[in-house]
C-alpha cells in the first residue's frame, strides 16, 4: 500500500495518461499502452517507463509511416 499524500484531500484520486497524435491510430495506441498505463499507475513516479514507451512508439510509427 502506498503512503498517503497529505496534499490530496479527496478520498480518491483520478489519474490519466494522455497521448497527442496527428495520426488516427487510436486502437493501436490503446493496445500498445494498456500494460504501460497499468504499470505506470502502480508507480506513478516512474517516468522512465513513459519515456521508454514514447521512444518505442515513435520508432515503430516512423518505420511504419515513412
N, C-alpha and C. Protein backbone atom coordinates (compact mmCIF):
# COMPACT_ATOMS: atom_id res chain seq x y z
N UNK A 1 0.84 -1.18 0.00
CA UNK A 1 0.00 0.00 0.00
C UNK A 1 0.89 1.24 0.00
N UNK A 2 0.50 2.22 -0.78
CA UNK A 2 1.28 3.45 -0.89
C UNK A 2 1.05 4.36 0.31
N UNK A 3 2.07 5.16 0.59
CA UNK A 3 1.92 6.16 1.65
C UNK A 3 0.94 7.23 1.19
N UNK A 4 0.14 7.70 2.08
CA UNK A 4 -0.85 8.71 1.74
C UNK A 4 -0.18 10.07 1.55
N UNK A 5 -0.58 10.77 0.51
CA UNK A 5 -0.06 12.10 0.22
C UNK A 5 -0.94 13.12 0.93
N UNK A 6 -0.37 13.94 1.79
CA UNK A 6 -1.15 14.91 2.57
C UNK A 6 -1.74 16.02 1.71
N UNK A 7 -1.24 16.19 0.48
CA UNK A 7 -1.78 17.22 -0.40
C UNK A 7 -3.10 16.80 -1.04
N UNK A 8 -3.40 15.52 -1.01
CA UNK A 8 -4.65 15.02 -1.60
C UNK A 8 -5.73 15.03 -0.53
N UNK A 9 -6.76 15.83 -0.77
CA UNK A 9 -7.81 15.99 0.23
C UNK A 9 -9.04 15.15 -0.09
N UNK A 10 -9.10 14.54 -1.24
CA UNK A 10 -10.25 13.70 -1.60
C UNK A 10 -10.01 12.27 -1.16
N UNK A 11 -11.08 11.50 -1.13
CA UNK A 11 -10.95 10.09 -0.77
C UNK A 11 -10.50 9.25 -1.96
N UNK A 12 -10.43 9.83 -3.12
CA UNK A 12 -9.96 9.14 -4.32
C UNK A 12 -9.11 10.08 -5.15
N UNK A 13 -8.36 9.51 -6.05
CA UNK A 13 -7.53 10.32 -6.94
C UNK A 13 -7.76 9.85 -8.37
N UNK A 14 -8.02 10.78 -9.26
CA UNK A 14 -8.19 10.46 -10.67
C UNK A 14 -6.83 10.55 -11.34
N UNK A 15 -6.56 9.59 -12.23
CA UNK A 15 -5.29 9.56 -12.93
C UNK A 15 -5.56 9.41 -14.42
N UNK A 16 -4.71 10.00 -15.23
CA UNK A 16 -4.86 9.88 -16.68
C UNK A 16 -3.49 9.96 -17.33
N UNK A 17 -3.41 9.34 -18.47
CA UNK A 17 -2.22 9.42 -19.31
C UNK A 17 -2.73 9.81 -20.69
N UNK A 18 -2.32 10.95 -21.19
CA UNK A 18 -2.82 11.47 -22.47
C UNK A 18 -1.78 11.28 -23.57
N UNK A 19 -2.26 10.96 -24.75
CA UNK A 19 -1.41 10.82 -25.92
C UNK A 19 -1.94 11.77 -26.98
N UNK A 20 -1.08 12.60 -27.52
CA UNK A 20 -1.46 13.50 -28.60
C UNK A 20 -0.79 12.98 -29.86
N UNK A 21 -1.59 12.68 -30.86
CA UNK A 21 -1.08 12.11 -32.09
C UNK A 21 -1.75 12.77 -33.28
N UNK A 22 -0.97 13.01 -34.33
CA UNK A 22 -1.55 13.56 -35.55
C UNK A 22 -2.04 12.45 -36.48
N UNK A 23 -1.79 11.20 -36.12
CA UNK A 23 -2.23 10.06 -36.91
C UNK A 23 -3.42 9.38 -36.24
N UNK A 24 -4.37 8.86 -37.02
CA UNK A 24 -5.55 8.19 -36.44
C UNK A 24 -5.24 6.75 -36.02
N UNK A 25 -4.47 6.60 -34.96
CA UNK A 25 -4.03 5.28 -34.52
C UNK A 25 -4.61 4.93 -33.15
N UNK A 26 -5.85 5.26 -32.91
CA UNK A 26 -6.43 5.13 -31.58
C UNK A 26 -6.41 3.69 -31.06
N UNK A 27 -6.86 2.75 -31.86
CA UNK A 27 -6.88 1.35 -31.44
C UNK A 27 -5.47 0.82 -31.19
N UNK A 28 -4.55 1.14 -32.09
CA UNK A 28 -3.16 0.71 -31.95
C UNK A 28 -2.55 1.28 -30.67
N UNK A 29 -2.73 2.57 -30.44
CA UNK A 29 -2.17 3.19 -29.25
C UNK A 29 -2.79 2.62 -27.98
N UNK A 30 -4.08 2.37 -28.00
CA UNK A 30 -4.75 1.80 -26.82
C UNK A 30 -4.17 0.43 -26.49
N UNK A 31 -3.99 -0.40 -27.50
CA UNK A 31 -3.42 -1.73 -27.27
C UNK A 31 -1.98 -1.65 -26.77
N UNK A 32 -1.19 -0.78 -27.39
CA UNK A 32 0.23 -0.67 -27.01
C UNK A 32 0.42 -0.07 -25.63
N UNK A 33 -0.49 0.80 -25.20
CA UNK A 33 -0.33 1.49 -23.92
C UNK A 33 -1.05 0.81 -22.76
N UNK A 34 -1.82 -0.25 -23.01
CA UNK A 34 -2.60 -0.88 -21.94
C UNK A 34 -1.71 -1.34 -20.78
N UNK A 35 -0.68 -2.10 -21.06
CA UNK A 35 0.19 -2.59 -19.99
C UNK A 35 1.04 -1.47 -19.39
N UNK A 36 1.43 -0.53 -20.23
CA UNK A 36 2.25 0.59 -19.75
C UNK A 36 1.48 1.43 -18.75
N UNK A 37 0.22 1.72 -19.04
CA UNK A 37 -0.56 2.55 -18.12
C UNK A 37 -0.79 1.83 -16.80
N UNK A 38 -1.03 0.53 -16.84
CA UNK A 38 -1.20 -0.22 -15.59
C UNK A 38 0.06 -0.15 -14.75
N UNK A 39 1.20 -0.36 -15.38
CA UNK A 39 2.48 -0.32 -14.65
C UNK A 39 2.77 1.09 -14.15
N UNK A 40 2.49 2.11 -14.97
CA UNK A 40 2.75 3.49 -14.58
C UNK A 40 1.89 3.89 -13.39
N UNK A 41 0.62 3.53 -13.39
CA UNK A 41 -0.25 3.92 -12.29
C UNK A 41 0.02 3.12 -11.02
N UNK A 42 0.68 1.99 -11.15
CA UNK A 42 1.11 1.25 -9.97
C UNK A 42 2.25 2.00 -9.28
N UNK A 43 3.07 2.71 -10.06
CA UNK A 43 4.18 3.50 -9.52
C UNK A 43 4.30 4.77 -10.37
N UNK A 44 3.41 5.73 -10.13
CA UNK A 44 3.33 6.90 -11.00
C UNK A 44 4.43 7.92 -10.80
N UNK A 45 5.50 7.52 -10.15
CA UNK A 45 6.69 8.37 -10.13
C UNK A 45 7.73 7.84 -11.10
N UNK A 46 7.41 6.76 -11.80
CA UNK A 46 8.35 6.10 -12.71
C UNK A 46 8.18 6.65 -14.13
N UNK A 47 8.75 7.82 -14.39
CA UNK A 47 8.62 8.43 -15.71
C UNK A 47 9.56 7.81 -16.73
N UNK A 48 10.52 6.99 -16.31
CA UNK A 48 11.38 6.32 -17.28
C UNK A 48 10.56 5.35 -18.12
N UNK A 49 9.53 4.76 -17.53
CA UNK A 49 8.64 3.86 -18.26
C UNK A 49 7.89 4.62 -19.35
N UNK A 50 7.38 5.80 -19.03
CA UNK A 50 6.66 6.62 -20.01
C UNK A 50 7.60 7.07 -21.12
N UNK A 51 8.80 7.48 -20.76
CA UNK A 51 9.77 7.89 -21.77
C UNK A 51 10.16 6.73 -22.69
N UNK A 52 10.29 5.54 -22.13
CA UNK A 52 10.66 4.37 -22.93
C UNK A 52 9.57 4.01 -23.92
N UNK A 53 8.31 4.01 -23.50
CA UNK A 53 7.23 3.69 -24.43
C UNK A 53 7.07 4.79 -25.48
N UNK A 54 7.33 6.03 -25.10
CA UNK A 54 7.29 7.14 -26.07
C UNK A 54 8.32 6.91 -27.17
N UNK A 55 9.54 6.59 -26.78
CA UNK A 55 10.60 6.35 -27.76
C UNK A 55 10.27 5.16 -28.64
N UNK A 56 9.76 4.09 -28.05
CA UNK A 56 9.43 2.89 -28.81
C UNK A 56 8.29 3.15 -29.80
N UNK A 57 7.25 3.86 -29.36
CA UNK A 57 6.14 4.17 -30.25
C UNK A 57 6.59 5.06 -31.40
N UNK A 58 7.42 6.05 -31.13
CA UNK A 58 7.93 6.91 -32.19
C UNK A 58 8.71 6.11 -33.22
N UNK A 59 9.57 5.21 -32.74
CA UNK A 59 10.37 4.39 -33.64
C UNK A 59 9.47 3.51 -34.50
N UNK A 60 8.48 2.86 -33.89
CA UNK A 60 7.57 1.98 -34.63
C UNK A 60 6.77 2.75 -35.67
N UNK A 61 6.26 3.91 -35.29
CA UNK A 61 5.43 4.70 -36.21
C UNK A 61 6.25 5.26 -37.36
N UNK A 62 7.47 5.71 -37.07
CA UNK A 62 8.33 6.23 -38.14
C UNK A 62 8.66 5.13 -39.15
N UNK A 63 8.89 3.91 -38.67
CA UNK A 63 9.19 2.79 -39.58
C UNK A 63 7.96 2.40 -40.40
N UNK A 64 6.77 2.47 -39.81
CA UNK A 64 5.55 2.07 -40.50
C UNK A 64 4.98 3.16 -41.40
N UNK A 65 5.23 4.43 -41.06
CA UNK A 65 4.68 5.56 -41.81
C UNK A 65 5.82 6.45 -42.29
N UNK A 66 6.52 6.05 -43.35
CA UNK A 66 7.68 6.85 -43.80
C UNK A 66 7.32 8.23 -44.31
